[in-house]
PDB file of N, CA and C in Angstrom:
ATOM      1  N   MET A   1      13.454 -14.118  13.379  1.00  0.00           N
ATOM      2  CA  MET A   1      12.373 -13.135  13.399  1.00  0.00           C
ATOM      3  C   MET A   1      11.951 -13.188  11.950  1.00  0.00           C
ATOM      4  N   CYS A   2      11.084 -13.959  11.713  1.00  0.00           N
ATOM      5  CA  CYS A   2      10.324 -14.070  10.368  1.00  0.00           C
ATOM      6  C   CYS A   2       9.355 -13.205   9.761  1.00  0.00           C
ATOM      7  N   GLU A   3       9.452 -13.144   8.695  1.00  0.00           N
ATOM      8  CA  GLU A   3       8.997 -11.544   7.458  1.00  0.00           C
ATOM      9  C   GLU A   3       7.871 -11.740   7.849  1.00  0.00           C
ATOM     10  N   ARG A   4       6.797 -12.106   8.559  1.00  0.00           N
ATOM     11  CA  ARG A   4       5.256 -12.118   9.196  1.00  0.00           C
ATOM     12  C   ARG A   4       5.277 -10.713   9.814  1.00  0.00           C
ATOM     13  N   GLU A   5       6.608 -10.944  10.893  1.00  0.00           N
ATOM     14  CA  GLU A   5       6.322 -10.830  12.319  1.00  0.00           C
ATOM     15  C   GLU A   5       7.227  -9.020  11.540  1.00  0.00           C
ATOM     16  N   GLU A   6       8.209  -9.492  11.036  1.00  0.00           N
ATOM     17  CA  GLU A   6       8.820  -7.837  10.131  1.00  0.00           C
ATOM     18  C   GLU A   6       8.085  -7.409   9.754  1.00  0.00           C
ATOM     19  N   ARG A   7       7.373  -7.396   9.241  1.00  0.00           N
ATOM     20  CA  ARG A   7       6.464  -6.454   8.750  1.00  0.00           C
ATOM     21  C   ARG A   7       5.241  -6.074   9.130  1.00  0.00           C
ATOM     22  N   ASN A   8       5.004  -6.472  10.140  1.00  0.00           N
ATOM     23  CA  ASN A   8       3.266  -6.042  11.327  1.00  0.00           C
ATOM     24  C   ASN A   8       4.545  -5.412  12.459  1.00  0.00           C
ATOM     25  N   GLY A   9       6.172  -5.482  12.565  1.00  0.00           N
ATOM     26  CA  GLY A   9       6.526  -4.565  13.162  1.00  0.00           C
ATOM     27  C   GLY A   9       6.804  -3.116  12.771  1.00  0.00           C
ATOM     28  N   PHE A  10       6.815  -3.563  11.576  1.00  0.00           N
ATOM     29  CA  PHE A  10       6.925  -1.650  10.911  1.00  0.00           C
ATOM     30  C   PHE A  10       8.996  -1.004  11.167  1.00  0.00           C
ATOM     31  N   ASN A  11       9.496  -2.190  11.091  1.00  0.00           N
ATOM     32  CA  ASN A  11      10.767  -1.358  11.542  1.00  0.00           C
ATOM     33  C   ASN A  11      10.959  -0.131  10.053  1.00  0.00           C
ATOM     34  N   VAL A  12      10.840   0.627  10.443  1.00  0.00           N
ATOM     35  CA  VAL A  12      10.733   1.862   9.242  1.00  0.00           C
ATOM     36  C   VAL A  12      12.252   2.089   9.784  1.00  0.00           C
ATOM     37  N   GLN A  13      13.149   2.753   8.692  1.00  0.00           N
ATOM     38  CA  GLN A  13      13.858   3.568   9.534  1.00  0.00           C
ATOM     39  C   GLN A  13      15.430   4.673   8.343  1.00  0.00           C
ATOM     40  N   VAL A  14      14.654   5.889   8.872  1.00  0.00           N
ATOM     41  CA  VAL A  14      14.893   6.961   7.359  1.00  0.00           C
ATOM     42  C   VAL A  14      16.382   7.526   8.230  1.00  0.00           C
ATOM     43  N   VAL A  15      17.370   7.444   7.088  1.00  0.00           N
ATOM     44  CA  VAL A  15      18.787   8.492   8.187  1.00  0.00           C
ATOM     45  C   VAL A  15      19.003   9.808   7.526  1.00  0.00           C
ATOM     46  N   VAL A  16      18.925  11.046   8.458  1.00  0.00           N
ATOM     47  CA  VAL A  16      19.029  12.289   8.373  1.00  0.00           C
ATOM     48  C   VAL A  16      20.713  13.129   7.546  1.00  0.00           C
ATOM     49  N   ARG A  17      20.403  13.632   7.091  1.00  0.00           N
ATOM     50  CA  ARG A  17      21.623  13.964   5.978  1.00  0.00           C
ATOM     51  C   ARG A  17      21.833  15.116   6.563  1.00  0.00           C
ATOM     52  N   ASP A  18      23.020  15.891   6.520  1.00  0.00           N
ATOM     53  CA  ASP A  18      23.276  17.012   6.580  1.00  0.00           C
ATOM     54  C   ASP A  18      22.224  17.686   7.227  1.00  0.00           C
ATOM     55  N   ASN A  19      21.851  17.538   8.794  1.00  0.00           N
ATOM     56  CA  ASN A  19      20.540  18.140   9.424  1.00  0.00           C
ATOM     57  C   ASN A  19      19.299  18.327   8.972  1.00  0.00           C
ATOM     58  N   ASN A  20      19.265  17.719   7.262  1.00  0.00           N
ATOM     59  CA  ASN A  20      18.108  17.957   6.538  1.00  0.00           C
ATOM     60  C   ASN A  20      17.069  17.787   6.760  1.00  0.00           C
ATOM     61  N   VAL A  21      16.429  17.527   8.607  1.00  0.00           N
ATOM     62  CA  VAL A  21      14.989  17.003   8.681  1.00  0.00           C
ATOM     63  C   VAL A  21      13.652  16.971   7.539  1.00  0.00           C
ATOM     64  N   ASP A  22      13.368  18.198   7.126  1.00  0.00           N
ATOM     65  CA  ASP A  22      12.482  18.371   6.073  1.00  0.00           C
ATOM     66  C   ASP A  22      12.875  16.920   4.684  1.00  0.00           C
ATOM     67  N   GLN A  23      14.161  16.431   4.545  1.00  0.00           N
ATOM     68  CA  GLN A  23      14.207  15.958   3.517  1.00  0.00           C
ATOM     69  C   GLN A  23      13.586  14.175   4.242  1.00  0.00           C
ATOM     70  N   ALA A  24      14.170  13.752   5.883  1.00  0.00           N
ATOM     71  CA  ALA A  24      14.036  12.965   6.505  1.00  0.00           C
ATOM     72  C   ALA A  24      12.458  12.734   6.632  1.00  0.00           C
ATOM     73  N   LEU A  25      11.791  13.646   6.837  1.00  0.00           N
ATOM     74  CA  LEU A  25      10.556  13.416   6.866  1.00  0.00           C
ATOM     75  C   LEU A  25       9.790  13.152   5.723  1.00  0.00           C
ATOM     76  N   LYS A  26      10.146  13.723   4.261  1.00  0.00           N
ATOM     77  CA  LYS A  26       9.518  13.232   3.431  1.00  0.00           C
ATOM     78  C   LYS A  26       9.566  12.178   3.210  1.00  0.00           C
ATOM     79  N   ALA A  27      11.133  11.153   3.378  1.00  0.00           N
ATOM     80  CA  ALA A  27      11.515  10.107   2.809  1.00  0.00           C
ATOM     81  C   ALA A  27      11.065   8.726   3.682  1.00  0.00           C
ATOM     82  N   LEU A  28      10.529   9.050   5.702  1.00  0.00           N
ATOM     83  CA  LEU A  28       9.815   8.751   6.248  1.00  0.00           C
ATOM     84  C   LEU A  28       8.339   8.588   5.941  1.00  0.00           C
ATOM     85  N   LYS A  29       7.329   9.854   5.338  1.00  0.00           N
ATOM     86  CA  LYS A  29       6.355   9.353   4.814  1.00  0.00           C
ATOM     87  C   LYS A  29       5.876   8.753   3.916  1.00  0.00           C
ATOM     88  N   LYS A  30       7.293   8.319   2.901  1.00  0.00           N
ATOM     89  CA  LYS A  30       6.940   7.573   1.268  1.00  0.00           C
ATOM     90  C   LYS A  30       7.011   6.125   2.243  1.00  0.00           C
ATOM     91  N   LYS A  31       8.007   6.328   2.681  1.00  0.00           N
ATOM     92  CA  LYS A  31       8.108   4.758   2.869  1.00  0.00           C
ATOM     93  C   LYS A  31       6.608   4.172   3.863  1.00  0.00           C
ATOM     94  N   MET A  32       6.758   5.158   4.934  1.00  0.00           N
ATOM     95  CA  MET A  32       5.265   4.113   5.365  1.00  0.00           C
ATOM     96  C   MET A  32       4.105   4.445   4.962  1.00  0.00           C
ATOM     97  N   GLN A  33       4.199   4.982   3.149  1.00  0.00           N
ATOM     98  CA  GLN A  33       3.122   5.113   2.098  1.00  0.00           C
ATOM     99  C   GLN A  33       3.328   3.891   1.945  1.00  0.00           C
ATOM    100  N   ARG A  34       4.312   3.541   1.595  1.00  0.00           N
ATOM    101  CA  ARG A  34       4.526   2.050   0.731  1.00  0.00           C
ATOM    102  C   ARG A  34       4.401   0.808   1.744  1.00  0.00           C
ATOM    103  N   GLU A  35       4.765   1.276   3.262  1.00  0.00           N
ATOM    104  CA  GLU A  35       4.253  -0.208   4.276  1.00  0.00           C
ATOM    105  C   GLU A  35       3.458  -0.254   4.124  1.00  0.00           C
ATOM    106  N   GLY A  36       2.736   0.614   3.776  1.00  0.00           N
ATOM    107  CA  GLY A  36       0.768   0.097   4.548  1.00  0.00           C
ATOM    108  C   GLY A  36       0.750   0.992   5.914  1.00  0.00           C
ATOM    109  N   ILE A  37       1.468   1.633   6.681  1.00  0.00           N
ATOM    110  CA  ILE A  37       1.270   1.795   7.985  1.00  0.00           C
ATOM    111  C   ILE A  37       0.268   2.736   8.233  1.00  0.00           C
ATOM    112  N   PHE A  38      -0.029   3.820   6.870  1.00  0.00           N
ATOM    113  CA  PHE A  38      -1.045   4.760   7.510  1.00  0.00           C
ATOM    114  C   PHE A  38      -2.696   4.086   7.530  1.00  0.00           C
ATOM    115  N   ARG A  39      -2.559   3.392   6.403  1.00  0.00           N
ATOM    116  CA  ARG A  39      -3.442   2.484   6.102  1.00  0.00           C
ATOM    117  C   ARG A  39      -4.496   1.715   7.777  1.00  0.00           C
ATOM    118  N   GLU A  40      -2.904   1.084   7.931  1.00  0.00           N
ATOM    119  CA  GLU A  40      -3.027   0.095   8.922  1.00  0.00           C
ATOM    120  C   GLU A  40      -4.086   0.980  10.130  1.00  0.00           C
ATOM    121  N   MET A  41      -2.908   2.368  10.921  1.00  0.00           N
ATOM    122  CA  MET A  41      -3.560   3.281  11.825  1.00  0.00           C
ATOM    123  C   MET A  41      -4.994   3.283  11.303  1.00  0.00           C
ATOM    124  N   LYS A  42      -5.414   3.537  10.147  1.00  0.00           N
ATOM    125  CA  LYS A  42      -7.150   3.887   9.614  1.00  0.00           C
ATOM    126  C   LYS A  42      -7.362   2.493  10.222  1.00  0.00           C
ATOM    127  N   LEU A  43      -7.320   1.554   9.727  1.00  0.00           N
ATOM    128  CA  LEU A  43      -8.336   0.591  10.176  1.00  0.00           C
ATOM    129  C   LEU A  43      -8.104   0.100  11.501  1.00  0.00           C
ATOM    130  N   ARG A  44      -7.387  -0.052  12.051  1.00  0.00           N
ATOM    131  CA  ARG A  44      -6.575  -0.166  13.749  1.00  0.00           C
ATOM    132  C   ARG A  44      -8.119   0.890  14.728  1.00  0.00           C
ATOM    133  N   ASN A  45      -8.667   1.834  13.992  1.00  0.00           N
ATOM    134  CA  ASN A  45      -8.753   3.087  15.064  1.00  0.00           C
ATOM    135  C   ASN A  45     -10.331   3.087  15.792  1.00  0.00           C
ATOM    136  N   PHE A  46     -10.673   1.933  14.912  1.00  0.00           N
ATOM    137  CA  PHE A  46     -12.167   1.540  15.429  1.00  0.00           C
ATOM    138  C   PHE A  46     -11.953  -0.195  14.881  1.00  0.00           C
ATOM    139  N   TYR A  47     -12.903  -0.825  16.280  1.00  0.00           N
ATOM    140  CA  TYR A  47     -12.915  -2.601  15.960  1.00  0.00           C
ATOM    141  C   TYR A  47     -13.888  -2.331  15.143  1.00  0.00           C
ATOM    142  N   GLU A  48     -13.594  -3.433  14.286  1.00  0.00           N
ATOM    143  CA  GLU A  48     -14.343  -4.269  12.604  1.00  0.00           C
ATOM    144  C   GLU A  48     -14.369  -5.865  12.926  1.00  0.00           C
ATOM    145  N   LYS A  49     -16.129  -5.668  13.055  1.00  0.00           N
ATOM    146  CA  LYS A  49     -16.527  -7.085  13.365  1.00  0.00           C
ATOM    147  C   LYS A  49     -16.074  -7.557  12.066  1.00  0.00           C
ATOM    148  N   PRO A  50     -15.473  -9.664  12.605  1.00  0.00           N
ATOM    149  CA  PRO A  50     -15.025 -10.400  11.512  1.00  0.00           C
ATOM    150  C   PRO A  50     -15.478 -10.608  10.681  1.00  0.00           C
ATOM    151  N   SER A  51     -16.978 -10.559  10.521  1.00  0.00           N
ATOM    152  CA  SER A  51     -17.182 -10.802   8.825  1.00  0.00           C
ATOM    153  C   SER A  51     -16.967  -9.492   8.048  1.00  0.00           C
ATOM    154  N   GLU A  52     -17.327  -8.255   8.700  1.00  0.00           N
ATOM    155  CA  GLU A  52     -16.611  -7.453   7.782  1.00  0.00           C
ATOM    156  C   GLU A  52     -15.119  -7.012   6.934  1.00  0.00           C
ATOM    157  N   LYS A  53     -14.643  -7.399   8.342  1.00  0.00           N
ATOM    158  CA  LYS A  53     -12.743  -7.498   8.127  1.00  0.00           C
ATOM    159  C   LYS A  53     -13.217  -8.670   6.654  1.00  0.00           C
ATOM    160  N   LYS A  54     -13.887  -9.582   6.695  1.00  0.00           N
ATOM    161  CA  LYS A  54     -14.223 -10.602   5.816  1.00  0.00           C
ATOM    162  C   LYS A  54     -14.198 -10.348   4.315  1.00  0.00           C
ATOM    163  N   ALA A  55     -15.314  -9.658   3.938  1.00  0.00           N
ATOM    164  CA  ALA A  55     -16.008  -8.900   3.434  1.00  0.00           C
ATOM    165  C   ALA A  55     -14.707  -8.065   2.567  1.00  0.00           C
ATOM    166  N   ARG A  56     -14.130  -7.098   3.830  1.00  0.00           N
ATOM    167  CA  ARG A  56     -13.632  -6.559   3.361  1.00  0.00           C
ATOM    168  C   ARG A  56     -11.854  -6.941   2.334  1.00  0.00           C
ATOM    169  N   GLU A  57     -11.894  -8.081   2.974  1.00  0.00           N
ATOM    170  CA  GLU A  57     -10.675  -8.213   2.232  1.00  0.00           C
ATOM    171  C   GLU A  57     -11.036  -9.107   0.644  1.00  0.00           C
ATOM    172  N   LYS A  58     -11.865  -9.655   1.137  1.00  0.00           N
ATOM    173  CA  LYS A  58     -12.760 -10.189  -0.220  1.00  0.00           C
ATOM    174  C   LYS A  58     -12.643  -9.333  -1.469  1.00  0.00           C
ATOM    175  N   ALA A  59     -12.813  -8.096  -0.739  1.00  0.00           N
ATOM    176  CA  ALA A  59     -14.105  -7.195  -1.872  1.00  0.00           C
ATOM    177  C   ALA A  59     -12.043  -6.738  -2.049  1.00  0.00           C
ATOM    178  N   GLU A  60     -10.863  -6.540  -1.653  1.00  0.00           N
ATOM    179  CA  GLU A  60      -9.858  -5.794  -1.709  1.00  0.00           C
ATOM    180  C   GLU A  60      -9.175  -7.153  -2.755  1.00  0.00           C
ATOM    181  N   ALA A  61      -9.568  -8.623  -2.515  1.00  0.00           N
ATOM    182  CA  ALA A  61      -8.614  -9.534  -3.358  1.00  0.00           C
ATOM    183  C   ALA A  61      -9.707  -8.902  -4.789  1.00  0.00           C
ATOM    184  N   ILE A  62     -10.608  -9.163  -4.922  1.00  0.00           N
ATOM    185  CA  ILE A  62     -11.462  -8.778  -6.212  1.00  0.00           C
ATOM    186  C   ILE A  62     -10.716  -8.101  -6.970  1.00  0.00           C
ATOM    187  N   ARG A  63     -10.770  -6.061  -6.206  1.00  0.00           N
ATOM    188  CA  ARG A  63     -10.124  -5.394  -6.712  1.00  0.00           C
ATOM    189  C   ARG A  63      -8.676  -5.245  -7.232  1.00  0.00           C
ATOM    190  N   ARG A  64      -7.886  -6.124  -6.843  1.00  0.00           N
ATOM    191  CA  ARG A  64      -6.329  -6.446  -6.759  1.00  0.00           C
ATOM    192  C   ARG A  64      -6.360  -7.502  -8.199  1.00  0.00           C
ATOM    193  N   ALA A  65      -7.295  -8.242  -8.226  1.00  0.00           N
ATOM    194  CA  ALA A  65      -7.230  -9.153  -9.226  1.00  0.00           C
ATOM    195  C   ALA A  65      -7.730  -8.599 -10.461  1.00  0.00           C
ATOM    196  N   ARG A  66      -8.390  -7.374 -10.491  1.00  0.00           N
ATOM    197  CA  ARG A  66      -9.608  -6.785 -11.919  1.00  0.00           C
ATOM    198  C   ARG A  66      -8.227  -5.968 -12.631  1.00  0.00           C
ATOM    199  N   LYS A  67      -7.142  -5.663 -11.289  1.00  0.00           N
ATOM    200  CA  LYS A  67      -6.441  -4.721 -11.393  1.00  0.00           C
ATOM    201  C   LYS A  67      -5.379  -5.235 -12.644  1.00  0.00           C
ATOM    202  N   LEU A  68      -4.957  -6.530 -12.251  1.00  0.00           N
ATOM    203  CA  LEU A  68      -3.787  -7.517 -12.603  1.00  0.00           C
ATOM    204  C   LEU A  68      -4.474  -7.435 -14.229  1.00  0.00           C
ATOM    205  N   ALA A  69      -5.803  -7.895 -13.561  1.00  0.00           N
ATOM    206  CA  ALA A  69      -6.056  -8.777 -15.380  1.00  0.00           C
ATOM    207  C   ALA A  69      -6.020  -7.478 -16.896  1.00  0.00           C
ATOM    208  N   ARG A  70      -6.775  -6.062 -16.112  1.00  0.00           N
ATOM    209  CA  ARG A  70      -7.036  -5.063 -17.025  1.00  0.00           C
ATOM    210  C   ARG A  70      -5.605  -4.678 -17.383  1.00  0.00           C
ATOM    211  N   LYS A  71      -3.948  -4.768 -16.315  1.00  0.00           N
ATOM    212  CA  LYS A  71      -3.363  -4.675 -16.633  1.00  0.00           C
ATOM    213  C   LYS A  71      -2.437  -5.522 -17.713  1.00  0.00           C
ATOM    214  N   ARG A  72      -2.499  -6.639 -17.486  1.00  0.00           N
ATOM    215  CA  ARG A  72      -2.387  -7.437 -18.292  1.00  0.00           C
ATOM    216  C   ARG A  72      -3.296  -7.845 -20.132  1.00  0.00           C
ATOM    217  N   ALA A  73      -4.218  -7.492 -19.895  1.00  0.00           N
ATOM    218  CA  ALA A  73      -4.845  -7.403 -20.909  1.00  0.00           C
ATOM    219  C   ALA A  73      -4.079  -5.644 -21.818  1.00  0.00           C
ATOM    220  N   GLN A  74      -3.931  -5.016 -20.806  1.00  0.00           N
ATOM    221  CA  GLN A  74      -3.006  -3.908 -21.778  1.00  0.00           C
ATOM    222  C   GLN A  74      -1.653  -4.356 -22.480  1.00  0.00           C
ATOM    223  N   ARG A  75      -1.120  -5.067 -21.577  1.00  0.00           N
ATOM    224  CA  ARG A  75       0.103  -5.541 -22.315  1.00  0.00           C
ATOM    225  C   ARG A  75       0.069  -6.104 -23.458  1.00  0.00           C
ATOM    226  N   GLU A  76      -1.324  -7.082 -23.371  1.00  0.00           N
ATOM    227  CA  GLU A  76      -1.407  -7.551 -24.486  1.00  0.00           C
ATOM    228  C   GLU A  76      -2.105  -7.098 -25.695  1.00  0.00           C
ATOM    229  N   GLY A  77      -2.245  -6.154 -26.038  1.00  0.00           N
ATOM    230  CA  GLY A  77      -3.141  -4.846 -26.453  1.00  0.00           C
ATOM    231  C   GLY A  77      -4.442  -5.124 -26.676  1.00  0.00           C
ATOM    232  N   LEU A  78      -5.203  -6.184 -25.614  1.00  0.00           N
ATOM    233  CA  LEU A  78      -6.635  -6.306 -25.942  1.00  0.00           C
ATOM    234  C   LEU A  78      -7.275  -4.982 -25.500  1.00  0.00           C
ATOM    235  N   LEU A  79      -6.041  -3.981 -24.521  1.00  0.00           N
ATOM    236  CA  LEU A  79      -7.703  -3.070 -24.318  1.00  0.00           C
ATOM    237  C   LEU A  79      -6.430  -1.781 -24.345  1.00  0.00           C
ATOM    238  N   PRO A  80      -7.354  -1.336 -24.661  1.00  0.00           N
ATOM    239  CA  PRO A  80      -5.792   0.467 -25.155  1.00  0.00           C
ATOM    240  C   PRO A  80      -5.332   0.910 -23.821  1.00  0.00           C
ATOM    241  N   GLY A  81      -4.156   1.374 -23.555  1.00  0.00           N
ATOM    242  CA  GLY A  81      -3.470   1.776 -22.675  1.00  0.00           C
ATOM    243  C   GLY A  81      -3.751   2.911 -22.370  1.00  0.00           C
ATOM    244  N   LYS A  82      -3.553   3.362 -20.926  1.00  0.00           N
ATOM    245  CA  LYS A  82      -4.007   5.171 -20.434  1.00  0.00           C
ATOM    246  C   LYS A  82      -3.767   6.260 -21.200  1.00  0.00           C
ATOM    247  N   ARG A  83      -4.252   6.771 -21.325  1.00  0.00           N
ATOM    248  CA  ARG A  83      -4.143   8.280 -22.019  1.00  0.00           C
ATOM    249  C   ARG A  83      -3.481   9.295 -21.251  1.00  0.00           C
ATOM    250  N   ARG A  84      -2.500   9.469 -21.715  1.00  0.00           N
ATOM    251  CA  ARG A  84      -1.378  10.539 -21.558  1.00  0.00           C
ATOM    252  C   ARG A  84      -1.641  11.695 -22.180  1.00  0.00           C
ATOM    253  N   GLY A  85      -1.596  12.728 -20.852  1.00  0.00           N
ATOM    254  CA  GLY A  85      -1.408  14.271 -21.796  1.00  0.00           C
ATOM    255  C   GLY A  85      -3.028  15.057 -21.897  1.00  0.00           C
ATOM    256  N   ARG A  86      -3.522  13.962 -20.581  1.00  0.00           N
ATOM    257  CA  ARG A  86      -4.678  15.315 -20.114  1.00  0.00           C
ATOM    258  C   ARG A  86      -5.227  15.778 -18.892  1.00  0.00           C
TER     259      ARG A  86
END
C-alpha cells in the first residue's frame, strides 16, 4: 500500500488501557484532528465544483506560504514574535 492510499484510508488506532474509554476517546479525537479527518468529512458533506476546489486549494497554498514566510521572518528577527501573557 502506498503512502497516499494509507493517508486517505485513515487507519487510526488507539489503544484502550485499563478500560479508560474517556482517555482513549480523547486520544482518538486528537489523532483524527491531526490527520485532518474532520476537515475531510466537512469537505465531503457537499459536492464541490472542480473550479471551487481549485480556488480553495490555491487559497490554502497561499495561506501556507504566507504563514511559512512569516515564521521564517520572525526566526530571523525581521518581525516581532508572538506576544505572550495577554
